C-alpha atoms as a PDB file:
ATOM      1  CA  MET A   1      14.354  21.387   3.077  1.00  0.00           C
ATOM      2  CA  PRO A   2      11.477  18.862   3.299  1.00  0.00           C
ATOM      3  CA  THR A   3       9.481  18.460   6.502  1.00  0.00           C
ATOM      4  CA  LEU A   4       8.184  14.987   7.317  1.00  0.00           C
ATOM      5  CA  ILE A   5       4.645  15.159   8.708  1.00  0.00           C
ATOM      6  CA  LEU A   6       3.601  12.286  10.994  1.00  0.00           C
ATOM      7  CA  THR A   7       0.279  11.565  12.694  1.00  0.00           C
ATOM      8  CA  PRO A   8      -0.156  11.360  16.501  1.00  0.00           C
ATOM      9  CA  ARG A   9       0.263   7.570  16.382  1.00  0.00           C
ATOM     10  CA  PHE A  10       3.715   6.360  17.466  1.00  0.00           C
ATOM     11  CA  THR A  11       4.079   3.370  15.147  1.00  0.00           C
ATOM     12  CA  GLU A  12       7.289   1.462  14.476  1.00  0.00           C
ATOM     13  CA  ASP A  13       7.233   2.606  10.844  1.00  0.00           C
ATOM     14  CA  ALA A  14       6.680   6.254  11.755  1.00  0.00           C
ATOM     15  CA  GLN A  15       9.622   6.112  14.157  1.00  0.00           C
ATOM     16  CA  ALA A  16      11.849   4.535  11.495  1.00  0.00           C
ATOM     17  CA  LEU A  17      10.948   7.314   9.057  1.00  0.00           C
ATOM     18  CA  TRP A  18      11.516   9.946  11.765  1.00  0.00           C
ATOM     19  CA  ARG A  19      15.044   8.627  12.364  1.00  0.00           C
ATOM     20  CA  ALA A  20      15.741   8.445   8.615  1.00  0.00           C
ATOM     21  CA  ALA A  21      14.502  12.009   8.104  1.00  0.00           C
ATOM     22  CA  ASN A  22      16.809  13.204  10.880  1.00  0.00           C
ATOM     23  CA  ARG A  23      19.759  11.503   9.175  1.00  0.00           C
ATOM     24  CA  LEU A  24      18.892  13.339   5.962  1.00  0.00           C
ATOM     25  CA  GLY A  25      18.687  16.675   7.764  1.00  0.00           C
ATOM     26  CA  TRP A  26      14.926  17.026   7.256  1.00  0.00           C
ATOM     27  CA  ASP A  27      12.628  18.703   9.736  1.00  0.00           C
ATOM     28  CA  VAL A  28       9.987  16.491  11.369  1.00  0.00           C
ATOM     29  CA  GLU A  29       6.598  17.529  12.738  1.00  0.00           C
ATOM     30  CA  ARG A  30       4.238  15.168  14.542  1.00  0.00           C
ATOM     31  CA  LEU A  31       0.598  16.239  14.609  1.00  0.00           C
ATOM     32  CA  ARG A  32      -0.747  16.622  18.145  1.00  0.00           C
ATOM     33  CA  SER A  33      -4.266  15.642  17.086  1.00  0.00           C
ATOM     34  CA  TRP A  34      -6.165  14.721  13.931  1.00  0.00           C
ATOM     35  CA  GLN A  35      -6.352  18.409  13.034  1.00  0.00           C
ATOM     36  CA  VAL A  36      -3.559  20.473  11.501  1.00  0.00           C
ATOM     37  CA  LEU A  37      -2.478  23.559  13.448  1.00  0.00           C
ATOM     38  CA  ASP A  38      -2.468  26.832  11.528  1.00  0.00           C
ATOM     39  CA  GLU A  39       1.296  27.262  11.842  1.00  0.00           C
ATOM     40  CA  LEU A  40       1.904  23.908  10.115  1.00  0.00           C
ATOM     41  CA  ARG A  41      -0.230  24.714   7.073  1.00  0.00           C
ATOM     42  CA  SER A  42       2.404  27.153   5.822  1.00  0.00           C
ATOM     43  CA  ILE A  43       5.231  24.568   5.746  1.00  0.00           C
ATOM     44  CA  ALA A  44       6.943  24.983   2.373  1.00  0.00           C
ATOM     45  CA  ASP A  45       7.744  21.350   1.510  1.00  0.00           C
ATOM     46  CA  PRO A  46       5.625  18.911   3.557  1.00  0.00           C
ATOM     47  CA  VAL A  47       6.129  15.164   3.058  1.00  0.00           C
ATOM     48  CA  LEU A  48       3.196  13.204   4.434  1.00  0.00           C
ATOM     49  CA  TYR A  49       3.083   9.762   6.065  1.00  0.00           C
ATOM     50  CA  LEU A  50      -0.501   9.215   7.178  1.00  0.00           C
ATOM     51  CA  GLU A  51      -3.173   6.654   8.078  1.00  0.00           C
ATOM     52  CA  GLY A  52      -5.525   5.674   5.277  1.00  0.00           C
ATOM     53  CA  LEU A  53      -8.862   6.652   6.832  1.00  0.00           C
ATOM     54  CA  PHE A  54      -7.719  10.214   7.596  1.00  0.00           C
ATOM     55  CA  GLY A  55      -5.162  10.677   4.843  1.00  0.00           C
ATOM     56  CA  GLN A  56      -6.976  12.742   2.234  1.00  0.00           C
ATOM     57  CA  THR A  57      -8.630  14.943   4.873  1.00  0.00           C
ATOM     58  CA  LEU A  58      -5.310  15.792   6.528  1.00  0.00           C
ATOM     59  CA  ALA A  59      -3.547  16.259   3.192  1.00  0.00           C
ATOM     60  CA  ALA A  60      -6.174  18.769   2.084  1.00  0.00           C
ATOM     61  CA  GLU A  61      -5.275  20.955   5.068  1.00  0.00           C
ATOM     62  CA  PHE A  62      -1.790  21.262   3.551  1.00  0.00           C
ATOM     63  CA  GLY A  63      -3.296  22.021   0.142  1.00  0.00           C
ATOM     64  CA  LEU A  64      -2.348  18.568  -1.147  1.00  0.00           C
ATOM     65  CA  ARG A  65      -4.054  15.574  -2.732  1.00  0.00           C
ATOM     66  CA  LEU A  66      -2.589  12.149  -2.029  1.00  0.00           C
ATOM     67  CA  LEU A  67      -1.866   9.816  -4.947  1.00  0.00           C
ATOM     68  CA  GLU A  68      -3.654   6.466  -4.759  1.00  0.00           C
ATOM     69  CA  PRO A  69      -4.728   3.732  -7.170  1.00  0.00           C
ATOM     70  CA  PRO A  70      -8.207   3.631  -8.729  1.00  0.00           C
ATOM     71  CA  LEU A  71     -10.607   1.237  -7.005  1.00  0.00           C
ATOM     72  CA  ASP A  72     -10.666  -1.120  -9.994  1.00  0.00           C
ATOM     73  CA  TRP A  73      -6.906  -1.219 -10.599  1.00  0.00           C
ATOM     74  CA  LEU A  74      -6.415  -4.881  -9.663  1.00  0.00           C
ATOM     75  CA  PRO A  75      -9.377  -6.294 -11.662  1.00  0.00           C
ATOM     76  CA  ASN A  76      -8.139  -4.347 -14.707  1.00  0.00           C
ATOM     77  CA  LEU A  77      -4.594  -5.668 -14.391  1.00  0.00           C
ATOM     78  CA  PRO A  78      -3.734  -8.002 -17.306  1.00  0.00           C
ATOM     79  CA  ARG A  79      -4.469 -11.605 -16.378  1.00  0.00           C
ATOM     80  CA  GLU A  80      -0.861 -12.724 -16.860  1.00  0.00           C
ATOM     81  CA  PHE A  81       0.169 -10.508 -13.949  1.00  0.00           C
ATOM     82  CA  ARG A  82      -2.826 -11.380 -11.738  1.00  0.00           C
ATOM     83  CA  LYS A  83      -3.086 -15.169 -12.264  1.00  0.00           C
ATOM     84  CA  ARG A  84      -6.501 -15.312 -10.562  1.00  0.00           C
ATOM     85  CA  TRP A  85      -9.962 -13.915 -11.150  1.00  0.00           C
ATOM     86  CA  GLY A  86     -10.979 -10.700  -9.428  1.00  0.00           C
ATOM     87  CA  SER A  87     -13.646  -8.002  -9.689  1.00  0.00           C
ATOM     88  CA  LEU A  88     -14.870  -4.777  -8.108  1.00  0.00           C
ATOM     89  CA  SER A  89     -18.196  -5.279  -6.348  1.00  0.00           C
ATOM     90  CA  THR A  90     -20.225  -4.035  -3.370  1.00  0.00           C
ATOM     91  CA  LEU A  91     -20.888  -5.420   0.083  1.00  0.00           C
ATOM     92  CA  GLU A  92     -24.543  -5.873  -0.853  1.00  0.00           C
ATOM     93  CA  ALA A  93     -23.702  -8.097  -3.819  1.00  0.00           C
ATOM     94  CA  CYS A  94     -21.121 -10.051  -1.843  1.00  0.00           C
ATOM     95  CA  ARG A  95     -23.596 -10.849   0.930  1.00  0.00           C
ATOM     96  CA  GLU A  96     -25.186 -13.267  -1.541  1.00  0.00           C
ATOM     97  CA  LEU A  97     -21.989 -15.301  -1.916  1.00  0.00           C
ATOM     98  CA  VAL A  98     -22.216 -18.902  -0.751  1.00  0.00           C
ATOM     99  CA  GLU A  99     -18.706 -19.992  -1.741  1.00  0.00           C
ATOM    100  CA  PRO A 100     -15.758 -18.385   0.083  1.00  0.00           C
ATOM    101  CA  ALA A 101     -13.913 -15.547  -1.666  1.00  0.00           C
ATOM    102  CA  PHE A 102     -11.111 -13.190  -0.727  1.00  0.00           C
ATOM    103  CA  ILE A 103     -12.760  -9.817  -0.005  1.00  0.00           C
ATOM    104  CA  LYS A 104     -11.159  -6.517   0.974  1.00  0.00           C
ATOM    105  CA  PRO A 105     -11.735  -2.751   0.845  1.00  0.00           C
ATOM    106  CA  PRO A 106      -9.997  -1.472  -2.314  1.00  0.00           C
ATOM    107  CA  ASN A 107      -7.833   1.278  -0.811  1.00  0.00           C
ATOM    108  CA  ASP A 108      -8.118   1.277   2.979  1.00  0.00           C
ATOM    109  CA  LYS A 109      -8.208  -0.997   6.011  1.00  0.00           C
ATOM    110  CA  SER A 110     -11.771  -0.224   7.130  1.00  0.00           C
ATOM    111  CA  PHE A 111     -12.376  -3.940   7.685  1.00  0.00           C
ATOM    112  CA  PRO A 112      -9.950  -6.896   7.577  1.00  0.00           C
ATOM    113  CA  ALA A 113      -8.923  -8.299   4.198  1.00  0.00           C
ATOM    114  CA  ARG A 114      -9.492 -12.060   4.336  1.00  0.00           C
ATOM    115  CA  VAL A 115     -11.559 -14.973   3.045  1.00  0.00           C
ATOM    116  CA  TYR A 116     -15.305 -14.557   3.701  1.00  0.00           C
ATOM    117  CA  THR A 117     -18.593 -16.142   2.805  1.00  0.00           C
ATOM    118  CA  GLY A 118     -21.427 -13.687   2.301  1.00  0.00           C
ATOM    119  CA  ALA A 119     -22.867 -14.339   5.752  1.00  0.00           C
ATOM    120  CA  GLU A 120     -19.526 -13.538   7.431  1.00  0.00           C
ATOM    121  CA  LEU A 121     -19.122 -10.009   6.027  1.00  0.00           C
ATOM    122  CA  PRO A 122     -19.287  -7.104   8.515  1.00  0.00           C
ATOM    123  CA  LEU A 123     -22.721  -5.552   8.967  1.00  0.00           C
ATOM    124  CA  GLU A 124     -21.727  -2.062  10.121  1.00  0.00           C
ATOM    125  CA  TYR A 125     -20.943  -0.731   6.627  1.00  0.00           C
ATOM    126  CA  ASP A 126     -23.272   0.594   3.925  1.00  0.00           C
ATOM    127  CA  ASN A 127     -24.436  -1.906   1.336  1.00  0.00           C
ATOM    128  CA  ASP A 128     -22.968   0.201  -1.475  1.00  0.00           C
ATOM    129  CA  THR A 129     -19.463   0.091   0.067  1.00  0.00           C
ATOM    130  CA  PRO A 130     -17.076  -0.943  -2.745  1.00  0.00           C
ATOM    131  CA  VAL A 131     -15.034  -4.100  -2.232  1.00  0.00           C
ATOM    132  CA  LEU A 132     -12.545  -6.135  -4.208  1.00  0.00           C
ATOM    133  CA  VAL A 133     -13.488  -9.791  -4.617  1.00  0.00           C
ATOM    134  CA  ALA A 134     -10.899 -12.331  -5.712  1.00  0.00           C
ATOM    135  CA  GLU A 135     -10.301 -16.032  -6.087  1.00  0.00           C
ATOM    136  CA  VAL A 136      -8.906 -17.750  -2.997  1.00  0.00           C
ATOM    137  CA  VAL A 137      -5.290 -18.735  -3.668  1.00  0.00           C
ATOM    138  CA  ALA A 138      -2.317 -19.812  -1.556  1.00  0.00           C
ATOM    139  CA  TRP A 139       0.659 -17.454  -1.542  1.00  0.00           C
ATOM    140  CA  GLU A 140       4.086 -18.995  -0.877  1.00  0.00           C
ATOM    141  CA  LYS A 141       5.781 -15.642  -0.250  1.00  0.00           C
ATOM    142  CA  GLU A 142       4.959 -11.960  -0.674  1.00  0.00           C
ATOM    143  CA  PHE A 143       7.143  -8.898  -1.186  1.00  0.00           C
ATOM    144  CA  ARG A 144       6.587  -5.147  -0.894  1.00  0.00           C
ATOM    145  CA  CYS A 145       8.058  -2.774  -3.486  1.00  0.00           C
ATOM    146  CA  PHE A 146       8.080   1.024  -3.183  1.00  0.00           C
ATOM    147  CA  VAL A 147       8.017   2.488  -6.692  1.00  0.00           C
ATOM    148  CA  LEU A 148       8.787   5.983  -8.001  1.00  0.00           C
ATOM    149  CA  ASP A 149       8.411   6.913 -11.680  1.00  0.00           C
ATOM    150  CA  ARG A 150       8.010   3.217 -12.550  1.00  0.00           C
ATOM    151  CA  GLN A 151      11.346   2.359 -10.922  1.00  0.00           C
ATOM    152  CA  ILE A 152      11.779   0.171  -7.834  1.00  0.00           C
ATOM    153  CA  ARG A 153      13.277   2.120  -4.935  1.00  0.00           C
ATOM    154  CA  ALA A 154      12.919  -0.374  -2.039  1.00  0.00           C
ATOM    155  CA  ILE A 155      12.004  -4.068  -1.657  1.00  0.00           C
ATOM    156  CA  SER A 156      11.247  -6.292   1.321  1.00  0.00           C
ATOM    157  CA  VAL A 157       9.731  -9.703   1.911  1.00  0.00           C
ATOM    158  CA  TYR A 158       6.825  -9.509   4.359  1.00  0.00           C
ATOM    159  CA  LEU A 159       5.013 -12.871   4.361  1.00  0.00           C
ATOM    160  CA  ARG A 160       6.024 -16.494   3.884  1.00  0.00           C
ATOM    161  CA  ASN A 161       3.126 -18.949   3.772  1.00  0.00           C
ATOM    162  CA  GLY A 162       0.979 -16.329   5.472  1.00  0.00           C
ATOM    163  CA  GLU A 163       3.422 -15.682   8.337  1.00  0.00           C
ATOM    164  CA  LEU A 164       4.721 -12.159   8.926  1.00  0.00           C
ATOM    165  CA  GLN A 165       8.522 -12.102   8.718  1.00  0.00           C
ATOM    166  CA  ARG A 166       9.208  -9.477  11.409  1.00  0.00           C
ATOM    167  CA  ASP A 167      10.806 -12.023  13.779  1.00  0.00           C
ATOM    168  CA  ARG A 168      13.225 -12.918  10.965  1.00  0.00           C
ATOM    169  CA  ASP A 169      14.009  -9.246  10.287  1.00  0.00           C
ATOM    170  CA  PHE A 170      12.300  -9.562   6.891  1.00  0.00           C
ATOM    171  CA  ALA A 171      15.361 -11.423   5.583  1.00  0.00           C
ATOM    172  CA  ALA A 172      15.412 -12.560   1.952  1.00  0.00           C
ATOM    173  CA  ALA A 173      18.126 -14.129  -0.189  1.00  0.00           C
ATOM    174  CA  ASP A 174      19.713 -12.091  -2.963  1.00  0.00           C
ATOM    175  CA  ALA A 175      18.411 -14.607  -5.503  1.00  0.00           C
ATOM    176  CA  GLU A 176      14.844 -14.077  -4.257  1.00  0.00           C
ATOM    177  CA  LEU A 177      15.152 -10.305  -4.485  1.00  0.00           C
ATOM    178  CA  ALA A 178      16.519 -10.637  -8.022  1.00  0.00           C
ATOM    179  CA  GLU A 179      13.430 -12.668  -8.978  1.00  0.00           C
ATOM    180  CA  VAL A 180      11.189  -9.992  -7.481  1.00  0.00           C
ATOM    181  CA  GLU A 181      12.959  -7.266  -9.446  1.00  0.00           C
ATOM    182  CA  SER A 182      12.694  -9.234 -12.696  1.00  0.00           C
ATOM    183  CA  PHE A 183       8.951  -9.753 -12.294  1.00  0.00           C
ATOM    184  CA  VAL A 184       8.178  -6.213 -11.119  1.00  0.00           C
ATOM    185  CA  ASP A 185      10.261  -4.751 -13.946  1.00  0.00           C
ATOM    186  CA  LEU A 186       7.985  -6.605 -16.393  1.00  0.00           C
ATOM    187  CA  VAL A 187       4.928  -5.082 -14.726  1.00  0.00           C
ATOM    188  CA  LEU A 188       6.409  -1.587 -14.722  1.00  0.00           C
ATOM    189  CA  ALA A 189       7.458  -1.835 -18.376  1.00  0.00           C
ATOM    190  CA  ASP A 190       3.959  -2.812 -19.570  1.00  0.00           C
ATOM    191  CA  THR A 191       2.299   0.269 -21.072  1.00  0.00           C
ATOM    192  CA  ARG A 192      -1.179  -1.209 -20.524  1.00  0.00           C
ATOM    193  CA  ILE A 193      -0.732  -0.775 -16.774  1.00  0.00           C
ATOM    194  CA  GLU A 194      -1.457   2.680 -15.374  1.00  0.00           C
ATOM    195  CA  LEU A 195       0.352   3.747 -12.219  1.00  0.00           C
ATOM    196  CA  PRO A 196       0.524   6.994 -10.269  1.00  0.00           C
ATOM    197  CA  ARG A 197       3.953   8.540  -9.952  1.00  0.00           C
ATOM    198  CA  THR A 198       4.387   6.827  -6.574  1.00  0.00           C
ATOM    199  CA  ALA A 199       3.016   3.407  -5.708  1.00  0.00           C
ATOM    200  CA  VAL A 200       3.565   0.360  -3.566  1.00  0.00           C
ATOM    201  CA  LEU A 201       3.307  -2.911  -5.453  1.00  0.00           C
ATOM    202  CA  ASP A 202       2.886  -6.080  -3.442  1.00  0.00           C
ATOM    203  CA  VAL A 203       3.855  -9.169  -5.429  1.00  0.00           C
ATOM    204  CA  GLY A 204       4.361 -12.815  -4.617  1.00  0.00           C
ATOM    205  CA  VAL A 205       4.357 -16.431  -5.699  1.00  0.00           C
ATOM    206  CA  ILE A 206       1.023 -18.262  -5.944  1.00  0.00           C
ATOM    207  CA  CYS A 207       1.335 -22.003  -5.345  1.00  0.00           C
ATOM    208  CA  ASP A 208       1.447 -23.859  -8.696  1.00  0.00           C
ATOM    209  CA  ARG A 209       0.966 -20.601 -10.658  1.00  0.00           C
ATOM    210  CA  GLY A 210       4.082 -18.512 -10.141  1.00  0.00           C
ATOM    211  CA  TRP A 211       4.717 -14.809  -9.741  1.00  0.00           C
ATOM    212  CA  ALA A 212       1.703 -12.485  -9.547  1.00  0.00           C
ATOM    213  CA  VAL A 213       0.688  -9.052  -8.295  1.00  0.00           C
ATOM    214  CA  VAL A 214      -1.023  -9.160  -4.899  1.00  0.00           C
ATOM    215  CA  GLU A 215      -2.263  -5.547  -4.977  1.00  0.00           C
ATOM    216  CA  GLN A 216      -1.262  -1.919  -5.358  1.00  0.00           C
ATOM    217  CA  ASN A 217      -1.225   0.368  -2.313  1.00  0.00           C
ATOM    218  CA  ALA A 218      -0.748   4.094  -1.907  1.00  0.00           C
ATOM    219  CA  ALA A 219       2.805   4.905  -0.821  1.00  0.00           C
ATOM    220  CA  TRP A 220       1.874   7.588   1.731  1.00  0.00           C
ATOM    221  CA  GLY A 221       0.332   5.129   4.204  1.00  0.00           C
ATOM    222  CA  ALA A 222       1.981   1.810   3.378  1.00  0.00           C
ATOM    223  CA  GLY A 223       3.861  -0.193   5.987  1.00  0.00           C
ATOM    224  CA  LEU A 224       7.616  -0.394   5.573  1.00  0.00           C
ATOM    225  CA  TYR A 225       8.212  -3.982   6.706  1.00  0.00           C
ATOM    226  CA  GLY A 226      11.950  -4.325   6.003  1.00  0.00           C
ATOM    227  CA  CYS A 227      12.238  -1.596   3.359  1.00  0.00           C
ATOM    228  CA  ASP A 228      15.031   0.960   3.767  1.00  0.00           C
ATOM    229  CA  PRO A 229      13.309   4.025   5.302  1.00  0.00           C
ATOM    230  CA  VAL A 230      15.677   6.442   3.540  1.00  0.00           C
ATOM    231  CA  ARG A 231      14.667   4.995   0.176  1.00  0.00           C
ATOM    232  CA  VAL A 232      11.018   5.088   1.223  1.00  0.00           C
ATOM    233  CA  LEU A 233      11.356   8.805   1.975  1.00  0.00           C
ATOM    234  CA  GLU A 234      12.552   9.301  -1.616  1.00  0.00           C
ATOM    235  CA  VAL A 235       9.174   7.933  -2.732  1.00  0.00           C
ATOM    236  CA  LEU A 236       7.086   9.764  -0.130  1.00  0.00           C
ATOM    237  CA  LYS A 237       8.443  13.120  -1.344  1.00  0.00           C
ATOM    238  CA  TYR A 238       6.304  12.710  -4.469  1.00  0.00           C
ATOM    239  CA  ALA A 239       3.273  10.908  -3.013  1.00  0.00           C
ATOM    240  CA  ALA A 240       1.084  14.030  -2.991  1.00  0.00           C
ATOM    241  CA  VAL A 241       0.344  16.824  -5.455  1.00  0.00           C
ATOM    242  CA  GLN A 242      -0.856  20.383  -5.039  1.00  0.00           C
ATOM    243  CA  ILE A 243      -4.626  20.844  -5.162  1.00  0.00           C
END
């Protein structure tokens, strides 16, 4: 029987997964600190839901490596699925930018993802810190898709015109969700696109350009928004591999 492993943080998403795991008859263990107790390291089938900055370190204590996308995944995505320019760079190079660009850490939330000029970038990080740099575009709506073995397992809208949809219970029309599935199925069927066994694909509609991929996230730390937590657990079961 799987055991869901949660961090000490009591987030809304962690609680939703805890309740879903209970419904499935799983065991649940919440870490008391950012260190793993000896008695937990011997758990036979741990399923991890962790924070990005501590994820790989905690996973290693269970003898696991978390699956996550390569840093340059988005810039290497075929243009027809990106619909905007983007590149992998460093903070040092981006500090020279005069025109605004969308800049974010590739795989974590170490500083906020948003539009910056070079002078506005945070100073407390090393110059060689990798960052993704992309064209500034306007997104009409954005959706989160949990993916396992290149198949969609859960979908939810999360933003409309930049506004989080929590107050609307992440509601989306069936026709919208069908459009999301059609676009994401095209992405997943394209053999040029490499994906780990588990992934979270964020996709959306760019004003005057149409459907595009926002980014790929690692499943083991991604927010649920309105995704069915039981279906998310199906993905999380395979989000780490033995070292």
